[in-house]
Amino acid sequence: MDFQKGDEVEVESGELGFIGSYYEATIISSIGTSRYKVNYKTLLAEDESELLEEIVTPSRVRPMPPHIANPVGDFNLYDGIDVFEFDYIIYFPTTDEKLKYPPDVLRTHQEWTYKGK
């Protein structure tokens, strides 16, 4: 899938311990045919003075998923979910951690599969 300057996307983290985590970003530009420069909406640069910009491969970029409303209490035990920021206890199998999150930062997990050319 080709993204254009200004497209809103999610970018997968490449950092150990955060693999499988996605962060909202905006495409700043294409770099050749194999990379994108993105500006994250919530991740800060190392000196914390501005939002992080990073060059990423297309395999780490996916379109923003459609919004699916989940009323409070609409989740079941062991449902796959995505978390945005803390009163449900969420288990992360990749790190064997349990963390507490409020319901307004949760969404039903959606997996994007690219079926391109």
PDB file of N, CA and C in Angstrom:
ATOM      1  N   MET A   1       0.845  -1.172   0.000  1.00  0.00           N
ATOM      2  CA  MET A   1       0.000   0.000   0.000  1.00  0.00           C
ATOM      3  C   MET A   1       0.888   1.232   0.000  1.00  0.00           C
ATOM      4  N   ASP A   2       0.576   2.172  -0.842  1.00  0.00           N
ATOM      5  CA  ASP A   2       1.337   3.420  -0.904  1.00  0.00           C
ATOM      6  C   ASP A   2       0.650   4.491  -0.071  1.00  0.00           C
ATOM      7  N   PHE A   3       1.436   5.161   0.753  1.00  0.00           N
ATOM      8  CA  PHE A   3       0.917   6.256   1.561  1.00  0.00           C
ATOM      9  C   PHE A   3       1.443   7.569   0.990  1.00  0.00           C
ATOM     10  N   GLN A   4       0.679   8.613   1.183  1.00  0.00           N
ATOM     11  CA  GLN A   4       1.029   9.933   0.669  1.00  0.00           C
ATOM     12  C   GLN A   4       1.297  10.895   1.824  1.00  0.00           C
ATOM     13  N   LYS A   5       1.997  11.976   1.532  1.00  0.00           N
ATOM     14  CA  LYS A   5       2.254  13.026   2.505  1.00  0.00           C
ATOM     15  C   LYS A   5       0.923  13.463   3.127  1.00  0.00           C
ATOM     16  N   GLY A   6       0.904  13.519   4.457  1.00  0.00           N
ATOM     17  CA  GLY A   6      -0.297  13.932   5.183  1.00  0.00           C
ATOM     18  C   GLY A   6      -1.193  12.797   5.617  1.00  0.00           C
ATOM     19  N   ASP A   7      -0.961  11.563   5.114  1.00  0.00           N
ATOM     20  CA  ASP A   7      -1.789  10.424   5.526  1.00  0.00           C
ATOM     21  C   ASP A   7      -1.599  10.132   7.012  1.00  0.00           C
ATOM     22  N   GLU A   8      -2.712   9.868   7.685  1.00  0.00           N
ATOM     23  CA  GLU A   8      -2.690   9.464   9.093  1.00  0.00           C
ATOM     24  C   GLU A   8      -2.520   7.948   9.120  1.00  0.00           C
ATOM     25  N   VAL A   9      -1.542   7.456   9.892  1.00  0.00           N
ATOM     26  CA  VAL A   9      -1.216   6.028   9.912  1.00  0.00           C
ATOM     27  C   VAL A   9      -0.904   5.582  11.336  1.00  0.00           C
ATOM     28  N   GLU A  10      -0.688   4.296  11.495  1.00  0.00           N
ATOM     29  CA  GLU A  10      -0.128   3.735  12.714  1.00  0.00           C
ATOM     30  C   GLU A  10       1.194   3.076  12.337  1.00  0.00           C
ATOM     31  N   VAL A  11       2.198   3.233  13.207  1.00  0.00           N
ATOM     32  CA  VAL A  11       3.534   2.697  12.950  1.00  0.00           C
ATOM     33  C   VAL A  11       3.903   1.737  14.068  1.00  0.00           C
ATOM     34  N   GLU A  12       4.335   0.542  13.675  1.00  0.00           N
ATOM     35  CA  GLU A  12       4.738  -0.460  14.662  1.00  0.00           C
ATOM     36  C   GLU A  12       6.097  -0.099  15.252  1.00  0.00           C
ATOM     37  N   SER A  13       6.202  -0.252  16.571  1.00  0.00           N
ATOM     38  CA  SER A  13       7.473  -0.011  17.248  1.00  0.00           C
ATOM     39  C   SER A  13       8.458  -1.105  16.891  1.00  0.00           C
ATOM     40  N   GLY A  14       9.705  -0.731  16.737  1.00  0.00           N
ATOM     41  CA  GLY A  14      10.758  -1.701  16.483  1.00  0.00           C
ATOM     42  C   GLY A  14      11.605  -1.965  17.716  1.00  0.00           C
ATOM     43  N   GLU A  15      11.223  -1.334  18.854  1.00  0.00           N
ATOM     44  CA  GLU A  15      12.031  -1.457  20.063  1.00  0.00           C
ATOM     45  C   GLU A  15      11.687  -2.705  20.858  1.00  0.00           C
ATOM     46  N   LEU A  16      12.725  -3.362  21.370  1.00  0.00           N
ATOM     47  CA  LEU A  16      12.549  -4.542  22.206  1.00  0.00           C
ATOM     48  C   LEU A  16      11.637  -4.197  23.378  1.00  0.00           C
ATOM     49  N   GLY A  17      10.677  -5.045  23.653  1.00  0.00           N
ATOM     50  CA  GLY A  17       9.719  -4.798  24.727  1.00  0.00           C
ATOM     51  C   GLY A  17       8.473  -4.072  24.251  1.00  0.00           C
ATOM     52  N   PHE A  18       8.537  -3.485  23.058  1.00  0.00           N
ATOM     53  CA  PHE A  18       7.389  -2.766  22.500  1.00  0.00           C
ATOM     54  C   PHE A  18       6.968  -3.340  21.144  1.00  0.00           C
ATOM     55  N   ILE A  19       7.566  -4.461  20.737  1.00  0.00           N
ATOM     56  CA  ILE A  19       7.230  -5.090  19.469  1.00  0.00           C
ATOM     57  C   ILE A  19       5.730  -5.402  19.479  1.00  0.00           C
ATOM     58  N   GLY A  20       5.051  -5.057  18.408  1.00  0.00           N
ATOM     59  CA  GLY A  20       3.605  -5.262  18.338  1.00  0.00           C
ATOM     60  C   GLY A  20       2.806  -4.056  18.790  1.00  0.00           C
ATOM     61  N   SER A  21       3.485  -3.054  19.341  1.00  0.00           N
ATOM     62  CA  SER A  21       2.816  -1.807  19.724  1.00  0.00           C
ATOM     63  C   SER A  21       2.794  -0.875  18.529  1.00  0.00           C
ATOM     64  N   TYR A  22       1.666  -0.212  18.325  1.00  0.00           N
ATOM     65  CA  TYR A  22       1.523   0.738  17.226  1.00  0.00           C
ATOM     66  C   TYR A  22       1.274   2.132  17.784  1.00  0.00           C
ATOM     67  N   TYR A  23       1.814   3.136  17.090  1.00  0.00           N
ATOM     68  CA  TYR A  23       1.687   4.526  17.510  1.00  0.00           C
ATOM     69  C   TYR A  23       1.170   5.364  16.347  1.00  0.00           C
ATOM     70  N   GLU A  24       0.250   6.279  16.655  1.00  0.00           N
ATOM     71  CA  GLU A  24      -0.313   7.140  15.620  1.00  0.00           C
ATOM     72  C   GLU A  24       0.744   8.105  15.105  1.00  0.00           C
ATOM     73  N   ALA A  25       0.736   8.301  13.776  1.00  0.00           N
ATOM     74  CA  ALA A  25       1.716   9.181  13.147  1.00  0.00           C
ATOM     75  C   ALA A  25       1.124   9.759  11.865  1.00  0.00           C
ATOM     76  N   THR A  26       1.836  10.712  11.308  1.00  0.00           N
ATOM     77  CA  THR A  26       1.480  11.315  10.028  1.00  0.00           C
ATOM     78  C   THR A  26       2.653  11.134   9.077  1.00  0.00           C
ATOM     79  N   ILE A  27       2.357  10.754   7.839  1.00  0.00           N
ATOM     80  CA  ILE A  27       3.407  10.628   6.824  1.00  0.00           C
ATOM     81  C   ILE A  27       3.893  12.030   6.467  1.00  0.00           C
ATOM     82  N   ILE A  28       5.194  12.269   6.608  1.00  0.00           N
ATOM     83  CA  ILE A  28       5.790  13.549   6.223  1.00  0.00           C
ATOM     84  C   ILE A  28       6.211  13.500   4.764  1.00  0.00           C
ATOM     85  N   SER A  29       6.827  12.359   4.368  1.00  0.00           N
ATOM     86  CA  SER A  29       7.267  12.218   2.980  1.00  0.00           C
ATOM     87  C   SER A  29       7.634  10.769   2.693  1.00  0.00           C
ATOM     88  N   SER A  30       7.697  10.463   1.396  1.00  0.00           N
ATOM     89  CA  SER A  30       8.233   9.182   0.946  1.00  0.00           C
ATOM     90  C   SER A  30       9.718   9.379   0.708  1.00  0.00           C
ATOM     91  N   ILE A  31      10.498   8.359   1.028  1.00  0.00           N
ATOM     92  CA  ILE A  31      11.931   8.406   0.771  1.00  0.00           C
ATOM     93  C   ILE A  31      12.219   7.264  -0.189  1.00  0.00           C
ATOM     94  N   GLY A  32      12.355   7.613  -1.450  1.00  0.00           N
ATOM     95  CA  GLY A  32      12.507   6.592  -2.479  1.00  0.00           C
ATOM     96  C   GLY A  32      11.258   5.747  -2.558  1.00  0.00           C
ATOM     97  N   THR A  33      11.437   4.459  -2.803  1.00  0.00           N
ATOM     98  CA  THR A  33      10.286   3.553  -2.894  1.00  0.00           C
ATOM     99  C   THR A  33      10.218   2.608  -1.706  1.00  0.00           C
ATOM    100  N   SER A  34      11.146   2.765  -0.760  1.00  0.00           N
ATOM    101  CA  SER A  34      11.202   1.760   0.300  1.00  0.00           C
ATOM    102  C   SER A  34      11.141   2.306   1.720  1.00  0.00           C
ATOM    103  N   ARG A  35      10.870   3.606   1.890  1.00  0.00           N
ATOM    104  CA  ARG A  35      10.808   4.134   3.257  1.00  0.00           C
ATOM    105  C   ARG A  35       9.891   5.353   3.318  1.00  0.00           C
ATOM    106  N   TYR A  36       9.447   5.637   4.550  1.00  0.00           N
ATOM    107  CA  TYR A  36       8.637   6.827   4.818  1.00  0.00           C
ATOM    108  C   TYR A  36       9.239   7.586   5.995  1.00  0.00           C
ATOM    109  N   LYS A  37       9.122   8.894   5.947  1.00  0.00           N
ATOM    110  CA  LYS A  37       9.458   9.721   7.105  1.00  0.00           C
ATOM    111  C   LYS A  37       8.135  10.044   7.776  1.00  0.00           C
ATOM    112  N   VAL A  38       8.031   9.741   9.090  1.00  0.00           N
ATOM    113  CA  VAL A  38       6.796   9.958   9.829  1.00  0.00           C
ATOM    114  C   VAL A  38       7.028  10.881  11.013  1.00  0.00           C
ATOM    115  N   ASN A  39       5.957  11.524  11.431  1.00  0.00           N
ATOM    116  CA  ASN A  39       5.956  12.363  12.627  1.00  0.00           C
ATOM    117  C   ASN A  39       4.917  11.769  13.573  1.00  0.00           C
ATOM    118  N   TYR A  40       5.375  11.306  14.744  1.00  0.00           N
ATOM    119  CA  TYR A  40       4.479  10.663  15.704  1.00  0.00           C
ATOM    120  C   TYR A  40       3.613  11.700  16.408  1.00  0.00           C
ATOM    121  N   LYS A  41       2.416  11.290  16.792  1.00  0.00           N
ATOM    122  CA  LYS A  41       1.485  12.194  17.481  1.00  0.00           C
ATOM    123  C   LYS A  41       1.688  12.198  18.993  1.00  0.00           C
ATOM    124  N   THR A  42       2.281  11.121  19.547  1.00  0.00           N
ATOM    125  CA  THR A  42       2.415  11.020  21.005  1.00  0.00           C
ATOM    126  C   THR A  42       3.820  10.692  21.477  1.00  0.00           C
ATOM    127  N   LEU A  43       4.713  10.311  20.597  1.00  0.00           N
ATOM    128  CA  LEU A  43       6.085   9.973  21.003  1.00  0.00           C
ATOM    129  C   LEU A  43       6.981  11.193  20.854  1.00  0.00           C
ATOM    130  N   LEU A  44       7.793  11.434  21.869  1.00  0.00           N
ATOM    131  CA  LEU A  44       8.689  12.591  21.860  1.00  0.00           C
ATOM    132  C   LEU A  44      10.097  12.202  21.442  1.00  0.00           C
ATOM    133  N   ALA A  45      10.815  13.179  20.882  1.00  0.00           N
ATOM    134  CA  ALA A  45      12.233  13.001  20.566  1.00  0.00           C
ATOM    135  C   ALA A  45      12.989  12.741  21.862  1.00  0.00           C
ATOM    136  N   GLU A  46      14.200  12.236  21.737  1.00  0.00           N
ATOM    137  CA  GLU A  46      14.989  11.860  22.921  1.00  0.00           C
ATOM    138  C   GLU A  46      15.139  13.002  23.926  1.00  0.00           C
ATOM    139  N   ASP A  47      15.315  14.241  23.450  1.00  0.00           N
ATOM    140  CA  ASP A  47      15.461  15.374  24.377  1.00  0.00           C
ATOM    141  C   ASP A  47      14.107  15.923  24.832  1.00  0.00           C
ATOM    142  N   GLU A  48      13.007  15.305  24.374  1.00  0.00           N
ATOM    143  CA  GLU A  48      11.637  15.635  24.756  1.00  0.00           C
ATOM    144  C   GLU A  48      11.221  17.058  24.382  1.00  0.00           C
ATOM    145  N   SER A  49      11.929  17.686  23.434  1.00  0.00           N
ATOM    146  CA  SER A  49      11.621  19.057  23.051  1.00  0.00           C
ATOM    147  C   SER A  49      10.570  19.146  21.946  1.00  0.00           C
ATOM    148  N   GLU A  50      10.360  18.026  21.228  1.00  0.00           N
ATOM    149  CA  GLU A  50       9.394  18.019  20.133  1.00  0.00           C
ATOM    150  C   GLU A  50       8.945  16.597  19.854  1.00  0.00           C
ATOM    151  N   LEU A  51       7.923  16.471  19.009  1.00  0.00           N
ATOM    152  CA  LEU A  51       7.444  15.146  18.628  1.00  0.00           C
ATOM    153  C   LEU A  51       8.501  14.428  17.789  1.00  0.00           C
ATOM    154  N   LEU A  52       8.588  13.134  17.973  1.00  0.00           N
ATOM    155  CA  LEU A  52       9.588  12.312  17.297  1.00  0.00           C
ATOM    156  C   LEU A  52       9.288  12.181  15.807  1.00  0.00           C
ATOM    157  N   GLU A  53      10.303  12.356  15.001  1.00  0.00           N
ATOM    158  CA  GLU A  53      10.250  12.042  13.570  1.00  0.00           C
ATOM    159  C   GLU A  53      11.180  10.862  13.349  1.00  0.00           C
ATOM    160  N   GLU A  54      10.768   9.953  12.473  1.00  0.00           N
ATOM    161  CA  GLU A  54      11.549   8.737  12.255  1.00  0.00           C
ATOM    162  C   GLU A  54      11.365   8.273  10.809  1.00  0.00           C
ATOM    163  N   ILE A  55      12.372   7.599  10.290  1.00  0.00           N
ATOM    164  CA  ILE A  55      12.287   6.976   8.969  1.00  0.00           C
ATOM    165  C   ILE A  55      11.986   5.503   9.189  1.00  0.00           C
ATOM    166  N   VAL A  56      10.917   5.010   8.534  1.00  0.00           N
ATOM    167  CA  VAL A  56      10.456   3.639   8.755  1.00  0.00           C
ATOM    168  C   VAL A  56      10.224   2.931   7.426  1.00  0.00           C
ATOM    169  N   THR A  57      10.252   1.611   7.477  1.00  0.00           N
ATOM    170  CA  THR A  57       9.963   0.808   6.292  1.00  0.00           C
ATOM    171  C   THR A  57       8.449   0.633   6.160  1.00  0.00           C
ATOM    172  N   PRO A  58       7.972   0.398   4.940  1.00  0.00           N
ATOM    173  CA  PRO A  58       6.532   0.209   4.742  1.00  0.00           C
ATOM    174  C   PRO A  58       5.941  -0.946   5.556  1.00  0.00           C
ATOM    175  N   SER A  59       6.746  -1.965   5.860  1.00  0.00           N
ATOM    176  CA  SER A  59       6.223  -3.107   6.618  1.00  0.00           C
ATOM    177  C   SER A  59       5.816  -2.735   8.040  1.00  0.00           C
ATOM    178  N   ARG A  60       6.280  -1.585   8.542  1.00  0.00           N
ATOM    179  CA  ARG A  60       5.923  -1.134   9.893  1.00  0.00           C
ATOM    180  C   ARG A  60       4.738  -0.171   9.885  1.00  0.00           C
ATOM    181  N   VAL A  61       4.224   0.170   8.696  1.00  0.00           N
ATOM    182  CA  VAL A  61       3.171   1.179   8.583  1.00  0.00           C
ATOM    183  C   VAL A  61       1.862   0.531   8.158  1.00  0.00           C
ATOM    184  N   ARG A  62       0.769   0.921   8.821  1.00  0.00           N
ATOM    185  CA  ARG A  62      -0.552   0.463   8.419  1.00  0.00           C
ATOM    186  C   ARG A  62      -1.517   1.644   8.480  1.00  0.00           C
ATOM    187  N   PRO A  63      -2.625   1.567   7.729  1.00  0.00           N
ATOM    188  CA  PRO A  63      -3.597   2.663   7.784  1.00  0.00           C
ATOM    189  C   PRO A  63      -4.274   2.709   9.148  1.00  0.00           C
ATOM    190  N   MET A  64      -4.842   3.869   9.480  1.00  0.00           N
ATOM    191  CA  MET A  64      -5.600   3.986  10.718  1.00  0.00           C
ATOM    192  C   MET A  64      -6.798   3.051  10.622  1.00  0.00           C
ATOM    193  N   PRO A  65      -7.075   2.276  11.675  1.00  0.00           N
ATOM    194  CA  PRO A  65      -8.231   1.370  11.618  1.00  0.00           C
ATOM    195  C   PRO A  65      -9.530   2.157  11.749  1.00  0.00           C
ATOM    196  N   PRO A  66     -10.628   1.575  11.289  1.00  0.00           N
ATOM    197  CA  PRO A  66     -11.910   2.248  11.468  1.00  0.00           C
ATOM    198  C   PRO A  66     -12.263   2.318  12.947  1.00  0.00           C
ATOM    199  N   HIS A  67     -12.973   3.358  13.320  1.00  0.00           N
ATOM    200  CA  HIS A  67     -13.385   3.509  14.730  1.00  0.00           C
ATOM    201  C   HIS A  67     -14.500   2.522  15.034  1.00  0.00           C
ATOM    202  N   ILE A  68     -14.332   1.766  16.114  1.00  0.00           N
ATOM    203  CA  ILE A  68     -15.361   0.846  16.593  1.00  0.00           C
ATOM    204  C   ILE A  68     -15.658   1.237  18.033  1.00  0.00           C
ATOM    205  N   ALA A  69     -16.862   1.659  18.295  1.00  0.00           N
ATOM    206  CA  ALA A  69     -17.238   2.077  19.648  1.00  0.00           C
ATOM    207  C   ALA A  69     -17.350   0.861  20.555  1.00  0.00           C
ATOM    208  N   ASN A  70     -16.756   0.956  21.731  1.00  0.00           N
ATOM    209  CA  ASN A  70     -16.869  -0.087  22.744  1.00  0.00           C
ATOM    210  C   ASN A  70     -17.391   0.541  24.024  1.00  0.00           C
ATOM    211  N   PRO A  71     -18.687   0.422  24.288  1.00  0.00           N
ATOM    212  CA  PRO A  71     -19.196   0.969  25.544  1.00  0.00           C
ATOM    213  C   PRO A  71     -18.501   0.319  26.729  1.00  0.00           C
ATOM    214  N   VAL A  72     -18.407   1.060  27.828  1.00  0.00           N
ATOM    215  CA  VAL A  72     -17.784   0.532  29.045  1.00  0.00           C
ATOM    216  C   VAL A  72     -18.434  -0.801  29.396  1.00  0.00           C
ATOM    217  N   GLY A  73     -17.625  -1.790  29.699  1.00  0.00           N
ATOM    218  CA  GLY A  73     -18.127  -3.100  30.076  1.00  0.00           C
ATOM    219  C   GLY A  73     -18.435  -4.003  28.886  1.00  0.00           C
ATOM    220  N   ASP A  74     -18.109  -3.568  27.674  1.00  0.00           N
ATOM    221  CA  ASP A  74     -18.415  -4.343  26.480  1.00  0.00           C
ATOM    222  C   ASP A  74     -17.288  -5.315  26.122  1.00  0.00           C
ATOM    223  N   PHE A  75     -16.297  -5.462  26.980  1.00  0.00           N
ATOM    224  CA  PHE A  75     -15.199  -6.389  26.739  1.00  0.00           C
ATOM    225  C   PHE A  75     -15.414  -7.645  27.573  1.00  0.00           C
ATOM    226  N   ASN A  76     -14.918  -8.752  27.061  1.00  0.00           N
ATOM    227  CA  ASN A  76     -14.988 -10.019  27.776  1.00  0.00           C
ATOM    228  C   ASN A  76     -13.587 -10.459  28.156  1.00  0.00           C
ATOM    229  N   LEU A  77     -13.496 -11.302  29.157  1.00  0.00           N
ATOM    230  CA  LEU A  77     -12.222 -11.848  29.596  1.00  0.00           C
ATOM    231  C   LEU A  77     -11.515 -12.493  28.414  1.00  0.00           C
ATOM    232  N   TYR A  78     -10.240 -12.158  28.219  1.00  0.00           N
ATOM    233  CA  TYR A  78      -9.369 -12.677  27.156  1.00  0.00           C
ATOM    234  C   TYR A  78      -9.658 -12.104  25.772  1.00  0.00           C
ATOM    235  N   ASP A  79     -10.508 -11.061  25.665  1.00  0.00           N
ATOM    236  CA  ASP A  79     -10.670 -10.383  24.382  1.00  0.00           C
ATOM    237  C   ASP A  79      -9.354  -9.740  23.994  1.00  0.00           C
ATOM    238  N   GLY A  80      -9.023  -9.779  22.721  1.00  0.00           N
ATOM    239  CA  GLY A  80      -7.878  -9.028  22.224  1.00  0.00           C
ATOM    240  C   GLY A  80      -8.271  -7.559  22.158  1.00  0.00           C
ATOM    241  N   ILE A  81      -7.454  -6.677  22.707  1.00  0.00           N
ATOM    242  CA  ILE A  81      -7.760  -5.250  22.702  1.00  0.00           C
ATOM    243  C   ILE A  81      -6.513  -4.446  22.378  1.00  0.00           C
ATOM    244  N   ASP A  82      -6.703  -3.200  22.021  1.00  0.00           N
ATOM    245  CA  ASP A  82      -5.624  -2.244  21.832  1.00  0.00           C
ATOM    246  C   ASP A  82      -5.779  -1.189  22.913  1.00  0.00           C
ATOM    247  N   VAL A  83      -4.664  -0.731  23.480  1.00  0.00           N
ATOM    248  CA  VAL A  83      -4.689   0.224  24.587  1.00  0.00           C
ATOM    249  C   VAL A  83      -4.025   1.521  24.164  1.00  0.00           C
ATOM    250  N   PHE A  84      -4.669   2.659  24.462  1.00  0.00           N
ATOM    251  CA  PHE A  84      -4.090   3.946  24.133  1.00  0.00           C
ATOM    252  C   PHE A  84      -3.412   4.599  25.334  1.00  0.00           C
ATOM    253  N   GLU A  85      -3.697   4.518  26.412  1.00  0.00           N
ATOM    254  CA  GLU A  85      -3.013   5.113  27.571  1.00  0.00           C
ATOM    255  C   GLU A  85      -3.228   4.285  28.821  1.00  0.00           C
ATOM    256  N   PHE A  86      -5.156   4.449  32.184  1.00  0.00           N
ATOM    257  CA  PHE A  86      -5.003   3.291  33.013  1.00  0.00           C
ATOM    258  C   PHE A  86      -6.358   3.068  33.698  1.00  0.00           C
ATOM    259  N   ASP A  87      -8.710   1.303  34.008  1.00  0.00           N
ATOM    260  CA  ASP A  87      -9.021   0.660  35.173  1.00  0.00           C
ATOM    261  C   ASP A  87      -9.350  -0.754  34.823  1.00  0.00           C
ATOM    262  N   TYR A  88      -9.074  -1.184  33.588  1.00  0.00           N
ATOM    263  CA  TYR A  88      -9.119  -2.592  33.275  1.00  0.00           C
ATOM    264  C   TYR A  88      -7.706  -3.135  33.502  1.00  0.00           C
ATOM    265  N   ILE A  89      -7.622  -4.377  33.988  1.00  0.00           N
ATOM    266  CA  ILE A  89      -6.311  -5.011  34.108  1.00  0.00           C
ATOM    267  C   ILE A  89      -6.043  -5.725  32.780  1.00  0.00           C
ATOM    268  N   ILE A  90      -4.965  -5.327  32.130  1.00  0.00           N
ATOM    269  CA  ILE A  90      -4.621  -5.862  30.815  1.00  0.00           C
ATOM    270  C   ILE A  90      -3.362  -6.719  30.941  1.00  0.00           C
ATOM    271  N   TYR A  91      -3.427  -7.917  30.384  1.00  0.00           N
ATOM    272  CA  TYR A  91      -2.272  -8.809  30.390  1.00  0.00           C
ATOM    273  C   TYR A  91      -1.568  -8.726  29.049  1.00  0.00           C
ATOM    274  N   PHE A  92      -0.261  -8.489  29.084  1.00  0.00           N
ATOM    275  CA  PHE A  92       0.567  -8.438  27.885  1.00  0.00           C
ATOM    276  C   PHE A  92       1.415  -9.706  27.833  1.00  0.00           C
ATOM    277  N   PRO A  93       1.042 -10.671  26.978  1.00  0.00           N
ATOM    278  CA  PRO A  93       1.769 -11.944  26.953  1.00  0.00           C
ATOM    279  C   PRO A  93       3.218 -11.824  26.500  1.00  0.00           C
ATOM    280  N   THR A  94       3.539 -10.803  25.690  1.00  0.00           N
ATOM    281  CA  THR A  94       4.916 -10.694  25.215  1.00  0.00           C
ATOM    282  C   THR A  94       5.889 -10.284  26.309  1.00  0.00           C
ATOM    283  N   THR A  95       5.378  -9.605  27.350  1.00  0.00           N
ATOM    284  CA  THR A  95       6.256  -9.171  28.448  1.00  0.00           C
ATOM    285  C   THR A  95       5.847  -9.770  29.785  1.00  0.00           C
ATOM    286  N   ASP A  96       4.762 -10.570  29.797  1.00  0.00           N
ATOM    287  CA  ASP A  96       4.231 -11.200  31.006  1.00  0.00           C
ATOM    288  C   ASP A  96       3.902 -10.156  32.081  1.00  0.00           C
ATOM    289  N   GLU A  97       3.338  -9.012  31.653  1.00  0.00           N
ATOM    290  CA  GLU A  97       2.970  -7.937  32.575  1.00  0.00           C
ATOM    291  C   GLU A  97       1.463  -7.784  32.634  1.00  0.00           C
ATOM    292  N   LYS A  98       0.978  -7.296  33.777  1.00  0.00           N
ATOM    293  CA  LYS A  98      -0.418  -6.907  33.940  1.00  0.00           C
ATOM    294  C   LYS A  98      -0.421  -5.436  34.338  1.00  0.00           C
ATOM    295  N   LEU A  99      -1.139  -4.618  33.554  1.00  0.00           N
ATOM    296  CA  LEU A  99      -1.209  -3.187  33.816  1.00  0.00           C
ATOM    297  C   LEU A  99      -2.660  -2.752  33.855  1.00  0.00           C
ATOM    298  N   LYS A 100      -2.917  -1.637  34.556  1.00  0.00           N
ATOM    299  CA  LYS A 100      -4.265  -1.124  34.735  1.00  0.00           C
ATOM    300  C   LYS A 100      -4.521   0.035  33.775  1.00  0.00           C
ATOM    301  N   TYR A 101      -5.679  -0.007  33.037  1.00  0.00           N
ATOM    302  CA  TYR A 101      -6.040   1.031  32.080  1.00  0.00           C
ATOM    303  C   TYR A 101      -7.513   1.397  32.235  1.00  0.00           C
ATOM    304  N   PRO A 102      -7.872   2.682  32.034  1.00  0.00           N
ATOM    305  CA  PRO A 102      -9.292   3.055  32.045  1.00  0.00           C
ATOM    306  C   PRO A 102      -9.957   2.621  30.741  1.00  0.00           C
ATOM    307  N   PRO A 103     -11.252   2.404  30.776  1.00  0.00           N
ATOM    308  CA  PRO A 103     -11.936   1.891  29.585  1.00  0.00           C
ATOM    309  C   PRO A 103     -11.914   2.831  28.386  1.00  0.00           C
ATOM    310  N   ASP A 104     -11.765   4.130  28.594  1.00  0.00           N
ATOM    311  CA  ASP A 104     -11.829   5.056  27.455  1.00  0.00           C
ATOM    312  C   ASP A 104     -10.582   5.033  26.580  1.00  0.00           C
ATOM    313  N   VAL A 105      -9.557   4.275  26.963  1.00  0.00           N
ATOM    314  CA  VAL A 105      -8.354   4.178  26.132  1.00  0.00           C
ATOM    315  C   VAL A 105      -8.194   2.778  25.530  1.00  0.00           C
ATOM    316  N   LEU A 106      -9.269   2.005  25.545  1.00  0.00           N
ATOM    317  CA  LEU A 106      -9.244   0.652  24.998  1.00  0.00           C
ATOM    318  C   LEU A 106     -10.090   0.593  23.732  1.00  0.00           C
ATOM    319  N   ARG A 107      -9.724  -0.279  22.826  1.00  0.00           N
ATOM    320  CA  ARG A 107     -10.553  -0.552  21.656  1.00  0.00           C
ATOM    321  C   ARG A 107     -10.416  -2.026  21.316  1.00  0.00           C
ATOM    322  N   THR A 108     -11.383  -2.575  20.626  1.00  0.00           N
ATOM    323  CA  THR A 108     -11.299  -3.946  20.146  1.00  0.00           C
ATOM    324  C   THR A 108     -10.094  -4.051  19.219  1.00  0.00           C
ATOM    325  N   HIS A 109      -9.299  -5.079  19.403  1.00  0.00           N
ATOM    326  CA  HIS A 109      -8.096  -5.255  18.582  1.00  0.00           C
ATOM    327  C   HIS A 109      -8.478  -5.549  17.141  1.00  0.00           C
ATOM    328  N   GLN A 110      -7.789  -4.896  16.228  1.00  0.00           N
ATOM    329  CA  GLN A 110      -8.006  -5.119  14.801  1.00  0.00           C
ATOM    330  C   GLN A 110      -6.660  -5.412  14.155  1.00  0.00           C
ATOM    331  N   GLU A 111      -6.613  -6.441  13.356  1.00  0.00           N
ATOM    332  CA  GLU A 111      -5.379  -6.811  12.659  1.00  0.00           C
ATOM    333  C   GLU A 111      -5.517  -6.403  11.205  1.00  0.00           C
ATOM    334  N   TRP A 112      -4.519  -5.691  10.671  1.00  0.00           N
ATOM    335  CA  TRP A 112      -4.565  -5.264   9.282  1.00  0.00           C
ATOM    336  C   TRP A 112      -3.748  -6.218   8.444  1.00  0.00           C
ATOM    337  N   THR A 113      -4.341  -6.719   7.366  1.00  0.00           N
ATOM    338  CA  THR A 113      -3.646  -7.595   6.438  1.00  0.00           C
ATOM    339  C   THR A 113      -3.662  -6.956   5.073  1.00  0.00           C
ATOM    340  N   TYR A 114      -2.472  -6.707   4.540  1.00  0.00           N
ATOM    341  CA  TYR A 114      -2.356  -6.086   3.225  1.00  0.00           C
ATOM    342  C   TYR A 114      -2.460  -7.153   2.152  1.00  0.00           C
ATOM    343  N   LYS A 115      -3.380  -6.969   1.241  1.00  0.00           N
ATOM    344  CA  LYS A 115      -3.559  -7.924   0.141  1.00  0.00           C
ATOM    345  C   LYS A 115      -3.274  -7.192  -1.153  1.00  0.00           C
ATOM    346  N   GLY A 116      -2.039  -6.742  -1.294  1.00  0.00           N
ATOM    347  CA  GLY A 116      -1.652  -5.953  -2.451  1.00  0.00           C
ATOM    348  C   GLY A 116      -1.273  -6.787  -3.646  1.00  0.00           C
ATOM    349  N   LYS A 117      -0.688  -6.082  -4.591  1.00  0.00           N
ATOM    350  CA  LYS A 117      -0.288  -6.697  -5.860  1.00  0.00           C
ATOM    351  C   LYS A 117       0.806  -7.708  -5.673  1.00  0.00           C
TER     352      LYS A 117
END
